[in-house]
Amino acid sequence: MTWPTGGGLLPATRIPGGELAAVAAAADYAVLPVGAVEWHGPHLPLGTDLILAEGFAAEAGGAAGPNTDADGPAGGVASAAGSSGDTSTGAPGPRGVLFPAVPYAACPGQTRPWPGTVSIRPEIAVGYLADVIEGIVAAGFPRLLIVNGHDANMSTVRAAMEWVSGRRTASLLLVNWFQLVTPAETTDLYGPLTARGHGGAYETSGVLGFDPGAVRLDAVADLPPKPKLPVGHPYVLVESRPDPWQGWSGHISLATEAAGRQVRATAGARLREIVAAWVAAPPPAPPTTDPLPTPTADSPAPTAAGPAPTAAGPAADGPTGGGR
């Protein structure tokens, strides 16, 4: 399997085992979408977060605009015959390998009781994601882009990335599609009413941008969300059940397919910009279990605080000894 001159994405599940090493050596990065199976209200599918994670993961591969093919949102994914590349500029784009999405996630208490939500424990999620990420890196892809569609994944994926980065030489990039369009821009798009939120107008529009047939705008009336705290400082507020709340909230009447196309185009372009800069950046150095540099002739003399480290690492009774 090879990429055409335009770059794009190859599906990992279609790479013959005998060709994996060559594909990995030629690839600039790999992509892992992470989503959830979760209630988003009567108007959105249970796979909302997967539709968005997989859709924007495909956008990272260089799709120039919203896909209109019958095959769904993965318009930037190449088959063995080729890839879309970045047709908006004609310039070759990075070459990526798309891995299957992680479908299940830890879900908040606010959505776990609602029908269709499949939640795994956070500690299971972190361990599972760590194994998946390390497996992709070990397969020959030290650069891995993780495209997230489920807010609760930000903590579990980050924890798993930190774990793997101490074990493997890796550059792990996490991008949450939700943050690629700013709150000021969603205000410009939807007006002063709150649009961002679980199952709200912004997320609904995002799904409309990829799969409008999956959305039922006439299934609900607006459910104005609980106001945010009247401060301008960042914070994280977790509550058992905000009010009003039906496993979702928002002004669905603001969501349109046109807004969804705009969200997709804006967020997709920014994701490709991030990927291009990341791929062009120098790779990281290998990890080490030794926080101290190898001593040289210019190293300071040992002090009364303890013996000098040797080339093998700190002394066994030092602050980092015995725990490795």
C-alpha atoms as a PDB file:
ATOM      1  CA  MET A   1       0.000   0.000   0.000  1.00  0.00           C
ATOM      2  CA  THR A   2       1.255   3.478  -0.857  1.00  0.00           C
ATOM      3  CA  TRP A   3       0.063   7.052  -0.688  1.00  0.00           C
ATOM      4  CA  PRO A   4      -0.449   9.128  -3.815  1.00  0.00           C
ATOM      5  CA  THR A   5       1.526  12.350  -4.161  1.00  0.00           C
ATOM      6  CA  GLY A   6      -1.159  14.283  -2.252  1.00  0.00           C
ATOM      7  CA  GLY A   7      -0.652  12.439   1.038  1.00  0.00           C
ATOM      8  CA  GLY A   8      -3.701  11.514   3.096  1.00  0.00           C
ATOM      9  CA  LEU A   9      -4.538   8.523   5.268  1.00  0.00           C
ATOM     10  CA  LEU A  10      -4.229   4.778   4.812  1.00  0.00           C
ATOM     11  CA  PRO A  11      -6.480   2.530   6.939  1.00  0.00           C
ATOM     12  CA  ALA A  12      -4.348   0.478   9.313  1.00  0.00           C
ATOM     13  CA  THR A  13      -6.753  -2.439   9.147  1.00  0.00           C
ATOM     14  CA  ARG A  14      -6.044  -2.878   5.425  1.00  0.00           C
ATOM     15  CA  ILE A  15      -2.252  -2.954   5.659  1.00  0.00           C
ATOM     16  CA  PRO A  16      -0.873  -6.462   4.997  1.00  0.00           C
ATOM     17  CA  GLY A  17       1.363  -7.609   7.814  1.00  0.00           C
ATOM     18  CA  GLY A  18       4.259  -8.077   5.449  1.00  0.00           C
ATOM     19  CA  GLU A  19       4.022  -4.440   4.355  1.00  0.00           C
ATOM     20  CA  LEU A  20       3.625  -2.874   7.797  1.00  0.00           C
ATOM     21  CA  ALA A  21       7.302  -2.027   8.310  1.00  0.00           C
ATOM     22  CA  ALA A  22       7.536  -0.255   4.948  1.00  0.00           C
ATOM     23  CA  VAL A  23       4.311   1.672   5.509  1.00  0.00           C
ATOM     24  CA  ALA A  24       5.373   2.701   9.013  1.00  0.00           C
ATOM     25  CA  ALA A  25       8.754   3.878   7.745  1.00  0.00           C
ATOM     26  CA  ALA A  26       7.087   6.004   5.057  1.00  0.00           C
ATOM     27  CA  ALA A  27       4.323   7.413   7.282  1.00  0.00           C
ATOM     28  CA  ASP A  28       4.621  10.802   8.932  1.00  0.00           C
ATOM     29  CA  TYR A  29       2.184   9.940  11.711  1.00  0.00           C
ATOM     30  CA  ALA A  30      -0.666   7.700  12.815  1.00  0.00           C
ATOM     31  CA  VAL A  31      -4.184   8.746  13.857  1.00  0.00           C
ATOM     32  CA  LEU A  32      -6.402   7.321  16.598  1.00  0.00           C
ATOM     33  CA  PRO A  33      -9.971   8.643  16.996  1.00  0.00           C
ATOM     34  CA  VAL A  34     -11.430   8.302  20.500  1.00  0.00           C
ATOM     35  CA  GLY A  35     -15.122   8.717  21.199  1.00  0.00           C
ATOM     36  CA  ALA A  36     -17.907   7.259  23.326  1.00  0.00           C
ATOM     37  CA  VAL A  37     -21.243   5.492  23.123  1.00  0.00           C
ATOM     38  CA  GLU A  38     -23.389   7.904  25.100  1.00  0.00           C
ATOM     39  CA  TRP A  39     -26.851   9.426  25.302  1.00  0.00           C
ATOM     40  CA  HIS A  40     -26.953  12.901  23.759  1.00  0.00           C
ATOM     41  CA  GLY A  41     -30.722  13.371  23.788  1.00  0.00           C
ATOM     42  CA  PRO A  42     -33.548  12.171  21.521  1.00  0.00           C
ATOM     43  CA  HIS A  43     -32.200  14.266  18.643  1.00  0.00           C
ATOM     44  CA  LEU A  44     -28.643  12.907  18.402  1.00  0.00           C
ATOM     45  CA  PRO A  45     -27.313   9.370  17.868  1.00  0.00           C
ATOM     46  CA  LEU A  46     -25.613   7.373  20.590  1.00  0.00           C
ATOM     47  CA  GLY A  47     -22.473   7.464  18.447  1.00  0.00           C
ATOM     48  CA  THR A  48     -22.318  11.266  18.299  1.00  0.00           C
ATOM     49  CA  ASP A  49     -18.820  11.397  19.782  1.00  0.00           C
ATOM     50  CA  LEU A  50     -17.615   8.669  17.424  1.00  0.00           C
ATOM     51  CA  ILE A  51     -19.050  10.406  14.369  1.00  0.00           C
ATOM     52  CA  LEU A  52     -17.191  13.566  15.331  1.00  0.00           C
ATOM     53  CA  ALA A  53     -13.919  11.869  16.320  1.00  0.00           C
ATOM     54  CA  GLU A  54     -13.809   9.723  13.176  1.00  0.00           C
ATOM     55  CA  GLY A  55     -14.956  12.574  10.991  1.00  0.00           C
ATOM     56  CA  PHE A  56     -12.318  15.007  12.164  1.00  0.00           C
ATOM     57  CA  ALA A  57      -9.662  12.274  12.145  1.00  0.00           C
ATOM     58  CA  ALA A  58     -10.385  11.905   8.437  1.00  0.00           C
ATOM     59  CA  GLU A  59     -10.218  15.685   8.035  1.00  0.00           C
ATOM     60  CA  ALA A  60      -6.676  15.535   9.427  1.00  0.00           C
ATOM     61  CA  GLY A  61      -5.768  13.500   6.372  1.00  0.00           C
ATOM     62  CA  GLY A  62      -6.274  16.463   4.075  1.00  0.00           C
ATOM     63  CA  ALA A  63      -9.873  16.367   2.912  1.00  0.00           C
ATOM     64  CA  ALA A  64     -10.513  19.741   1.322  1.00  0.00           C
ATOM     65  CA  GLY A  65     -14.144  20.099   2.348  1.00  0.00           C
ATOM     66  CA  PRO A  66     -17.232  18.291   3.645  1.00  0.00           C
ATOM     67  CA  ASN A  67     -17.595  14.814   2.210  1.00  0.00           C
ATOM     68  CA  THR A  68     -20.704  14.174   0.174  1.00  0.00           C
ATOM     69  CA  ASP A  69     -20.016  10.542  -0.690  1.00  0.00           C
ATOM     70  CA  ALA A  70     -22.445   7.861   0.388  1.00  0.00           C
ATOM     71  CA  ASP A  71     -19.686   6.089   2.277  1.00  0.00           C
ATOM     72  CA  GLY A  72     -19.888   8.466   5.247  1.00  0.00           C
ATOM     73  CA  PRO A  73     -17.529  10.865   6.941  1.00  0.00           C
ATOM     74  CA  ALA A  74     -14.182   9.226   6.226  1.00  0.00           C
ATOM     75  CA  GLY A  75     -13.578  11.223   3.058  1.00  0.00           C
ATOM     76  CA  GLY A  76      -9.902  11.770   3.813  1.00  0.00           C
ATOM     77  CA  VAL A  77      -9.086   8.063   4.128  1.00  0.00           C
ATOM     78  CA  ALA A  78      -7.294   6.401   1.250  1.00  0.00           C
ATOM     79  CA  SER A  79      -7.890   2.897   0.065  1.00  0.00           C
ATOM     80  CA  ALA A  80      -5.094   0.893  -1.507  1.00  0.00           C
ATOM     81  CA  ALA A  81      -5.840   2.830  -4.670  1.00  0.00           C
ATOM     82  CA  GLY A  82      -5.251   6.301  -3.278  1.00  0.00           C
ATOM     83  CA  SER A  83      -6.171   9.207  -1.056  1.00  0.00           C
ATOM     84  CA  SER A  84      -7.794  12.584  -1.295  1.00  0.00           C
ATOM     85  CA  GLY A  85      -4.727  14.567  -0.171  1.00  0.00           C
ATOM     86  CA  ASP A  86      -4.990  18.314   0.328  1.00  0.00           C
ATOM     87  CA  THR A  87      -6.829  19.258  -2.822  1.00  0.00           C
ATOM     88  CA  SER A  88      -7.485  22.768  -1.520  1.00  0.00           C
ATOM     89  CA  THR A  89      -3.901  23.849  -2.194  1.00  0.00           C
ATOM     90  CA  GLY A  90      -2.498  21.146  -4.439  1.00  0.00           C
ATOM     91  CA  ALA A  91       0.497  20.833  -2.087  1.00  0.00           C
ATOM     92  CA  PRO A  92       1.422  17.376  -0.811  1.00  0.00           C
ATOM     93  CA  GLY A  93       0.177  16.778   2.705  1.00  0.00           C
ATOM     94  CA  PRO A  94       1.561  14.570   5.474  1.00  0.00           C
ATOM     95  CA  ARG A  95       1.100  10.821   5.124  1.00  0.00           C
ATOM     96  CA  GLY A  96      -0.872   9.213   7.926  1.00  0.00           C
ATOM     97  CA  VAL A  97      -2.196   5.814   8.960  1.00  0.00           C
ATOM     98  CA  LEU A  98      -5.668   5.732  10.475  1.00  0.00           C
ATOM     99  CA  PHE A  99      -6.290   3.220  13.260  1.00  0.00           C
ATOM    100  CA  PRO A 100      -9.785   2.059  14.278  1.00  0.00           C
ATOM    101  CA  ALA A 101     -11.548   4.318  16.750  1.00  0.00           C
ATOM    102  CA  VAL A 102     -11.759   3.577  20.460  1.00  0.00           C
ATOM    103  CA  PRO A 103     -15.549   3.449  20.886  1.00  0.00           C
ATOM    104  CA  TYR A 104     -16.068   3.111  24.638  1.00  0.00           C
ATOM    105  CA  ALA A 105     -15.088   5.587  27.318  1.00  0.00           C
ATOM    106  CA  ALA A 106     -15.572   6.647  30.900  1.00  0.00           C
ATOM    107  CA  CYS A 107     -18.770   8.696  30.957  1.00  0.00           C
ATOM    108  CA  PRO A 108     -19.836  11.227  33.590  1.00  0.00           C
ATOM    109  CA  GLY A 109     -22.480  10.579  36.187  1.00  0.00           C
ATOM    110  CA  GLN A 110     -24.666  13.093  34.366  1.00  0.00           C
ATOM    111  CA  THR A 111     -25.109  10.736  31.388  1.00  0.00           C
ATOM    112  CA  ARG A 112     -24.511   7.240  32.802  1.00  0.00           C
ATOM    113  CA  PRO A 113     -28.159   6.699  33.879  1.00  0.00           C
ATOM    114  CA  TRP A 114     -29.565   7.598  30.463  1.00  0.00           C
ATOM    115  CA  PRO A 115     -30.471   4.888  27.945  1.00  0.00           C
ATOM    116  CA  GLY A 116     -27.764   3.729  25.582  1.00  0.00           C
ATOM    117  CA  THR A 117     -24.784   5.094  27.512  1.00  0.00           C
ATOM    118  CA  VAL A 118     -22.074   2.437  27.770  1.00  0.00           C
ATOM    119  CA  SER A 119     -19.512   3.562  30.333  1.00  0.00           C
ATOM    120  CA  ILE A 120     -16.304   1.950  31.520  1.00  0.00           C
ATOM    121  CA  ARG A 121     -14.547   2.759  34.775  1.00  0.00           C
ATOM    122  CA  PRO A 122     -11.926   5.536  34.533  1.00  0.00           C
ATOM    123  CA  GLU A 123      -9.135   3.272  35.780  1.00  0.00           C
ATOM    124  CA  ILE A 124     -10.025   0.725  33.097  1.00  0.00           C
ATOM    125  CA  ALA A 125     -10.130   3.458  30.463  1.00  0.00           C
ATOM    126  CA  VAL A 126      -6.651   4.734  31.348  1.00  0.00           C
ATOM    127  CA  GLY A 127      -5.105   1.257  31.278  1.00  0.00           C
ATOM    128  CA  TYR A 128      -6.861   0.303  28.056  1.00  0.00           C
ATOM    129  CA  LEU A 129      -5.852   3.531  26.306  1.00  0.00           C
ATOM    130  CA  ALA A 130      -2.258   3.161  27.514  1.00  0.00           C
ATOM    131  CA  ASP A 131      -2.091  -0.306  25.948  1.00  0.00           C
ATOM    132  CA  VAL A 132      -3.645   0.883  22.680  1.00  0.00           C
ATOM    133  CA  ILE A 133      -1.350   3.907  22.400  1.00  0.00           C
ATOM    134  CA  GLU A 134       1.763   1.914  23.259  1.00  0.00           C
ATOM    135  CA  GLY A 135       0.773  -0.776  20.765  1.00  0.00           C
ATOM    136  CA  ILE A 136       0.503   1.748  17.934  1.00  0.00           C
ATOM    137  CA  VAL A 137       3.848   3.300  18.840  1.00  0.00           C
ATOM    138  CA  ALA A 138       5.451  -0.144  19.064  1.00  0.00           C
ATOM    139  CA  ALA A 139       4.091  -0.965  15.601  1.00  0.00           C
ATOM    140  CA  GLY A 140       6.414   1.692  14.192  1.00  0.00           C
ATOM    141  CA  PHE A 141       4.465   4.952  14.579  1.00  0.00           C
ATOM    142  CA  PRO A 142       6.300   7.198  17.073  1.00  0.00           C
ATOM    143  CA  ARG A 143       4.096  10.165  16.100  1.00  0.00           C
ATOM    144  CA  LEU A 144       0.477   9.564  17.063  1.00  0.00           C
ATOM    145  CA  LEU A 145      -2.372  12.040  16.699  1.00  0.00           C
ATOM    146  CA  ILE A 146      -5.347  11.333  18.956  1.00  0.00           C
ATOM    147  CA  VAL A 147      -8.543  13.061  17.823  1.00  0.00           C
ATOM    148  CA  ASN A 148     -11.076  13.289  20.628  1.00  0.00           C
ATOM    149  CA  GLY A 149     -14.840  13.583  20.416  1.00  0.00           C
ATOM    150  CA  HIS A 150     -15.783  13.043  24.088  1.00  0.00           C
ATOM    151  CA  ASP A 151     -14.830  15.606  26.730  1.00  0.00           C
ATOM    152  CA  ALA A 152     -14.283  13.078  29.528  1.00  0.00           C
ATOM    153  CA  ASN A 153     -11.576  11.431  27.409  1.00  0.00           C
ATOM    154  CA  MET A 154      -9.319  14.434  27.839  1.00  0.00           C
ATOM    155  CA  SER A 155      -8.229  13.315  31.305  1.00  0.00           C
ATOM    156  CA  THR A 156      -7.974   9.573  30.646  1.00  0.00           C
ATOM    157  CA  VAL A 157      -6.191   9.954  27.302  1.00  0.00           C
ATOM    158  CA  ARG A 158      -3.788  12.505  28.782  1.00  0.00           C
ATOM    159  CA  ALA A 159      -2.927  10.143  31.638  1.00  0.00           C
ATOM    160  CA  ALA A 160      -2.321   7.278  29.200  1.00  0.00           C
ATOM    161  CA  MET A 161      -0.160   9.484  26.959  1.00  0.00           C
ATOM    162  CA  GLU A 162       1.980  10.542  29.893  1.00  0.00           C
ATOM    163  CA  TRP A 163       2.504   6.901  30.851  1.00  0.00           C
ATOM    164  CA  VAL A 164       3.530   5.802  27.364  1.00  0.00           C
ATOM    165  CA  SER A 165       5.822   8.801  26.857  1.00  0.00           C
ATOM    166  CA  GLY A 166       7.961   7.572  29.741  1.00  0.00           C
ATOM    167  CA  ARG A 167       8.310   4.120  28.199  1.00  0.00           C
ATOM    168  CA  ARG A 168       8.653   4.751  24.457  1.00  0.00           C
ATOM    169  CA  THR A 169      10.212   7.354  22.212  1.00  0.00           C
ATOM    170  CA  ALA A 170       7.015   9.027  21.100  1.00  0.00           C
ATOM    171  CA  SER A 171       5.394  12.310  20.146  1.00  0.00           C
ATOM    172  CA  LEU A 172       1.745  12.051  21.205  1.00  0.00           C
ATOM    173  CA  LEU A 173      -0.612  14.841  20.136  1.00  0.00           C
ATOM    174  CA  LEU A 174      -4.131  15.128  21.585  1.00  0.00           C
ATOM    175  CA  VAL A 175      -6.636  17.412  19.839  1.00  0.00           C
ATOM    176  CA  ASN A 176     -10.232  17.890  20.984  1.00  0.00           C
ATOM    177  CA  TRP A 177     -12.390  18.933  18.021  1.00  0.00           C
ATOM    178  CA  PHE A 178     -14.669  20.916  20.349  1.00  0.00           C
ATOM    179  CA  GLN A 179     -11.877  23.378  21.126  1.00  0.00           C
ATOM    180  CA  LEU A 180     -10.907  24.059  17.499  1.00  0.00           C
ATOM    181  CA  VAL A 181     -13.682  26.651  17.223  1.00  0.00           C
ATOM    182  CA  THR A 182     -13.542  29.313  19.925  1.00  0.00           C
ATOM    183  CA  PRO A 183     -16.444  30.389  22.164  1.00  0.00           C
ATOM    184  CA  ALA A 184     -16.320  33.830  20.536  1.00  0.00           C
ATOM    185  CA  GLU A 185     -16.714  32.234  17.121  1.00  0.00           C
ATOM    186  CA  THR A 186     -19.666  30.120  18.208  1.00  0.00           C
ATOM    187  CA  THR A 187     -21.272  33.293  19.582  1.00  0.00           C
ATOM    188  CA  ASP A 188     -20.800  34.896  16.172  1.00  0.00           C
ATOM    189  CA  LEU A 189     -22.309  31.827  14.544  1.00  0.00           C
ATOM    190  CA  TYR A 190     -25.259  31.182  16.864  1.00  0.00           C
ATOM    191  CA  GLY A 191     -25.876  34.478  18.635  1.00  0.00           C
ATOM    192  CA  PRO A 192     -25.894  35.271  22.356  1.00  0.00           C
ATOM    193  CA  LEU A 193     -27.748  32.147  23.512  1.00  0.00           C
ATOM    194  CA  THR A 194     -25.554  29.342  24.831  1.00  0.00           C
ATOM    195  CA  ALA A 195     -24.639  26.952  22.025  1.00  0.00           C
ATOM    196  CA  ARG A 196     -21.785  24.955  23.533  1.00  0.00           C
ATOM    197  CA  GLY A 197     -22.655  22.050  25.764  1.00  0.00           C
ATOM    198  CA  HIS A 198     -23.511  18.368  25.792  1.00  0.00           C
ATOM    199  CA  GLY A 199     -26.023  17.750  23.020  1.00  0.00           C
ATOM    200  CA  GLY A 200     -26.343  21.482  22.350  1.00  0.00           C
ATOM    201  CA  ALA A 201     -26.473  23.446  19.122  1.00  0.00           C
ATOM    202  CA  TYR A 202     -22.719  23.420  18.504  1.00  0.00           C
ATOM    203  CA  GLU A 203     -22.330  19.656  18.931  1.00  0.00           C
ATOM    204  CA  THR A 204     -25.540  19.027  16.995  1.00  0.00           C
ATOM    205  CA  SER A 205     -24.273  21.180  14.143  1.00  0.00           C
ATOM    206  CA  GLY A 206     -21.019  19.239  14.183  1.00  0.00           C
ATOM    207  CA  VAL A 207     -22.888  15.997  13.539  1.00  0.00           C
ATOM    208  CA  LEU A 208     -24.971  17.715  10.850  1.00  0.00           C
ATOM    209  CA  GLY A 209     -21.701  18.646   9.146  1.00  0.00           C
ATOM    210  CA  PHE A 210     -20.746  14.983   8.765  1.00  0.00           C
ATOM    211  CA  ASP A 211     -23.949  12.936   8.820  1.00  0.00           C
ATOM    212  CA  PRO A 212     -27.126  15.047   8.624  1.00  0.00           C
ATOM    213  CA  GLY A 213     -29.292  11.953   8.283  1.00  0.00           C
ATOM    214  CA  ALA A 214     -28.352  10.901  11.831  1.00  0.00           C
ATOM    215  CA  VAL A 215     -29.905  14.010  13.443  1.00  0.00           C
ATOM    216  CA  ARG A 216     -33.572  14.515  14.394  1.00  0.00           C
ATOM    217  CA  LEU A 217     -33.975  18.250  14.909  1.00  0.00           C
ATOM    218  CA  ASP A 218     -37.736  17.897  15.334  1.00  0.00           C
ATOM    219  CA  ALA A 219     -37.413  15.391  18.202  1.00  0.00           C
ATOM    220  CA  VAL A 220     -36.877  17.980  20.951  1.00  0.00           C
ATOM    221  CA  ALA A 221     -37.696  21.509  21.984  1.00  0.00           C
ATOM    222  CA  ASP A 222     -35.046  23.842  23.343  1.00  0.00           C
ATOM    223  CA  LEU A 223     -33.858  23.041  26.855  1.00  0.00           C
ATOM    224  CA  PRO A 224     -31.947  26.133  28.023  1.00  0.00           C
ATOM    225  CA  PRO A 225     -28.817  25.008  29.907  1.00  0.00           C
ATOM    226  CA  LYS A 226     -27.882  26.059  33.405  1.00  0.00           C
ATOM    227  CA  PRO A 227     -25.995  29.393  33.257  1.00  0.00           C
ATOM    228  CA  LYS A 228     -22.243  29.370  33.734  1.00  0.00           C
ATOM    229  CA  LEU A 229     -20.702  31.036  36.749  1.00  0.00           C
ATOM    230  CA  PRO A 230     -20.492  34.831  36.270  1.00  0.00           C
ATOM    231  CA  VAL A 231     -16.684  34.939  36.192  1.00  0.00           C
ATOM    232  CA  GLY A 232     -14.137  35.232  33.421  1.00  0.00           C
ATOM    233  CA  HIS A 233     -11.586  32.847  34.908  1.00  0.00           C
ATOM    234  CA  PRO A 234     -11.136  29.210  33.813  1.00  0.00           C
ATOM    235  CA  TYR A 235     -12.587  26.515  36.038  1.00  0.00           C
ATOM    236  CA  VAL A 236     -13.888  22.951  35.941  1.00  0.00           C
ATOM    237  CA  LEU A 237     -17.255  22.339  37.598  1.00  0.00           C
ATOM    238  CA  VAL A 238     -18.550  18.785  37.986  1.00  0.00           C
ATOM    239  CA  GLU A 239     -22.054  18.368  39.397  1.00  0.00           C
ATOM    240  CA  SER A 240     -24.213  15.328  39.929  1.00  0.00           C
ATOM    241  CA  ARG A 241     -27.072  16.671  37.843  1.00  0.00           C
ATOM    242  CA  PRO A 242     -27.394  20.254  36.624  1.00  0.00           C
ATOM    243  CA  ASP A 243     -30.888  21.650  36.300  1.00  0.00           C
ATOM    244  CA  PRO A 244     -32.421  21.818  33.741  1.00  0.00           C
ATOM    245  CA  TRP A 245     -31.025  18.558  32.385  1.00  0.00           C
ATOM    246  CA  GLN A 246     -32.337  15.541  30.468  1.00  0.00           C
ATOM    247  CA  GLY A 247     -29.005  13.924  29.735  1.00  0.00           C
ATOM    248  CA  TRP A 248     -28.470  16.898  27.426  1.00  0.00           C
ATOM    249  CA  SER A 249     -29.381  20.562  27.255  1.00  0.00           C
ATOM    250  CA  GLY A 250     -29.212  23.348  24.724  1.00  0.00           C
ATOM    251  CA  HIS A 251     -30.919  25.553  22.151  1.00  0.00           C
ATOM    252  CA  ILE A 252     -31.334  22.997  19.381  1.00  0.00           C
ATOM    253  CA  SER A 253     -33.339  25.452  17.282  1.00  0.00           C
ATOM    254  CA  LEU A 254     -30.019  27.217  16.559  1.00  0.00           C
ATOM    255  CA  ALA A 255     -28.437  24.147  14.934  1.00  0.00           C
ATOM    256  CA  THR A 256     -28.409  24.007  11.132  1.00  0.00           C
ATOM    257  CA  GLU A 257     -26.665  21.963   8.488  1.00  0.00           C
ATOM    258  CA  ALA A 258     -25.076  25.136   7.119  1.00  0.00           C
ATOM    259  CA  ALA A 259     -23.596  25.894  10.533  1.00  0.00           C
ATOM    260  CA  GLY A 260     -22.356  22.310  10.679  1.00  0.00           C
ATOM    261  CA  ARG A 261     -20.548  22.673   7.373  1.00  0.00           C
ATOM    262  CA  GLN A 262     -18.913  25.841   8.654  1.00  0.00           C
ATOM    263  CA  VAL A 263     -17.860  24.174  11.911  1.00  0.00           C
ATOM    264  CA  ARG A 264     -16.442  21.242   9.987  1.00  0.00           C
ATOM    265  CA  ALA A 265     -14.512  23.451   7.567  1.00  0.00           C
ATOM    266  CA  THR A 266     -13.089  25.722  10.283  1.00  0.00           C
ATOM    267  CA  ALA A 267     -12.139  22.983  12.726  1.00  0.00           C
ATOM    268  CA  GLY A 268     -10.822  20.723   9.972  1.00  0.00           C
ATOM    269  CA  ALA A 269      -8.548  23.430   8.567  1.00  0.00           C
ATOM    270  CA  ARG A 270      -7.153  24.181  12.020  1.00  0.00           C
ATOM    271  CA  LEU A 271      -6.553  20.511  12.718  1.00  0.00           C
ATOM    272  CA  ARG A 272      -4.589  20.183   9.485  1.00  0.00           C
ATOM    273  CA  GLU A 273      -2.576  23.257  10.437  1.00  0.00           C
ATOM    274  CA  ILE A 274      -1.714  21.703  13.802  1.00  0.00           C
ATOM    275  CA  VAL A 275      -0.729  18.418  12.157  1.00  0.00           C
ATOM    276  CA  ALA A 276       1.489  20.121   9.578  1.00  0.00           C
ATOM    277  CA  ALA A 277       3.357  22.082  12.255  1.00  0.00           C
ATOM    278  CA  TRP A 278       3.698  19.014  14.468  1.00  0.00           C
ATOM    279  CA  VAL A 279       5.035  16.773  11.695  1.00  0.00           C
ATOM    280  CA  ALA A 280       7.556  19.470  10.743  1.00  0.00           C
ATOM    281  CA  ALA A 281       8.834  19.843  14.313  1.00  0.00           C
ATOM    282  CA  PRO A 282      11.927  17.933  15.517  1.00  0.00           C
ATOM    283  CA  PRO A 283      11.216  14.536  17.093  1.00  0.00           C
ATOM    284  CA  PRO A 284      11.703  14.037  20.836  1.00  0.00           C
ATOM    285  CA  ALA A 285      14.651  12.349  22.485  1.00  0.00           C
ATOM    286  CA  PRO A 286      14.192   8.853  23.929  1.00  0.00           C
ATOM    287  CA  PRO A 287      12.804   8.608  27.462  1.00  0.00           C
ATOM    288  CA  THR A 288      15.044   7.784  30.380  1.00  0.00           C
ATOM    289  CA  THR A 289      14.540   6.445  33.866  1.00  0.00           C
ATOM    290  CA  ASP A 290      17.532   8.478  35.021  1.00  0.00           C
ATOM    291  CA  PRO A 291      16.751  12.150  35.696  1.00  0.00           C
ATOM    292  CA  LEU A 292      20.462  12.991  36.135  1.00  0.00           C
ATOM    293  CA  PRO A 293      22.835  13.459  33.188  1.00  0.00           C
ATOM    294  CA  THR A 294      25.821  11.202  32.744  1.00  0.00           C
ATOM    295  CA  PRO A 295      28.682  12.846  34.677  1.00  0.00           C
ATOM    296  CA  THR A 296      31.504  14.424  32.746  1.00  0.00           C
ATOM    297  CA  ALA A 297      34.897  15.857  33.646  1.00  0.00           C
ATOM    298  CA  ASP A 298      33.192  19.203  34.225  1.00  0.00           C
ATOM    299  CA  SER A 299      30.603  17.799  36.648  1.00  0.00           C
ATOM    300  CA  PRO A 300      30.602  19.380  40.123  1.00  0.00           C
ATOM    301  CA  ALA A 301      32.294  17.470  42.902  1.00  0.00           C
ATOM    302  CA  PRO A 302      30.096  15.336  45.189  1.00  0.00           C
ATOM    303  CA  THR A 303      28.749  17.012  48.269  1.00  0.00           C
ATOM    304  CA  ALA A 304      27.899  15.816  51.760  1.00  0.00           C
ATOM    305  CA  ALA A 305      24.347  15.241  50.600  1.00  0.00           C
ATOM    306  CA  GLY A 306      25.325  11.895  49.168  1.00  0.00           C
ATOM    307  CA  PRO A 307      27.690   9.986  46.879  1.00  0.00           C
ATOM    308  CA  ALA A 308      28.312  11.144  43.344  1.00  0.00           C
ATOM    309  CA  PRO A 309      26.247   9.458  40.629  1.00  0.00           C
ATOM    310  CA  THR A 310      28.037   7.019  38.382  1.00  0.00           C
ATOM    311  CA  ALA A 311      27.622   6.355  34.676  1.00  0.00           C
ATOM    312  CA  ALA A 312      25.077   3.707  35.588  1.00  0.00           C
ATOM    313  CA  GLY A 313      22.801   6.249  37.287  1.00  0.00           C
ATOM    314  CA  PRO A 314      22.215   7.639  40.782  1.00  0.00           C
ATOM    315  CA  ALA A 315      23.354   5.734  43.817  1.00  0.00           C
ATOM    316  CA  ALA A 316      20.936   3.048  44.909  1.00  0.00           C
ATOM    317  CA  ASP A 317      20.138   4.868  48.142  1.00  0.00           C
ATOM    318  CA  GLY A 318      19.654   8.251  46.447  1.00  0.00           C
ATOM    319  CA  PRO A 319      16.280   9.948  45.990  1.00  0.00           C
ATOM    320  CA  THR A 320      15.483   8.061  42.805  1.00  0.00           C
ATOM    321  CA  GLY A 321      17.207   4.784  43.615  1.00  0.00           C
ATOM    322  CA  GLY A 322      15.439   1.552  44.350  1.00  0.00           C
ATOM    323  CA  GLY A 323      12.200   2.606  42.727  1.00  0.00           C
ATOM    324  CA  ARG A 324      12.988   1.940  39.111  1.00  0.00           C
END
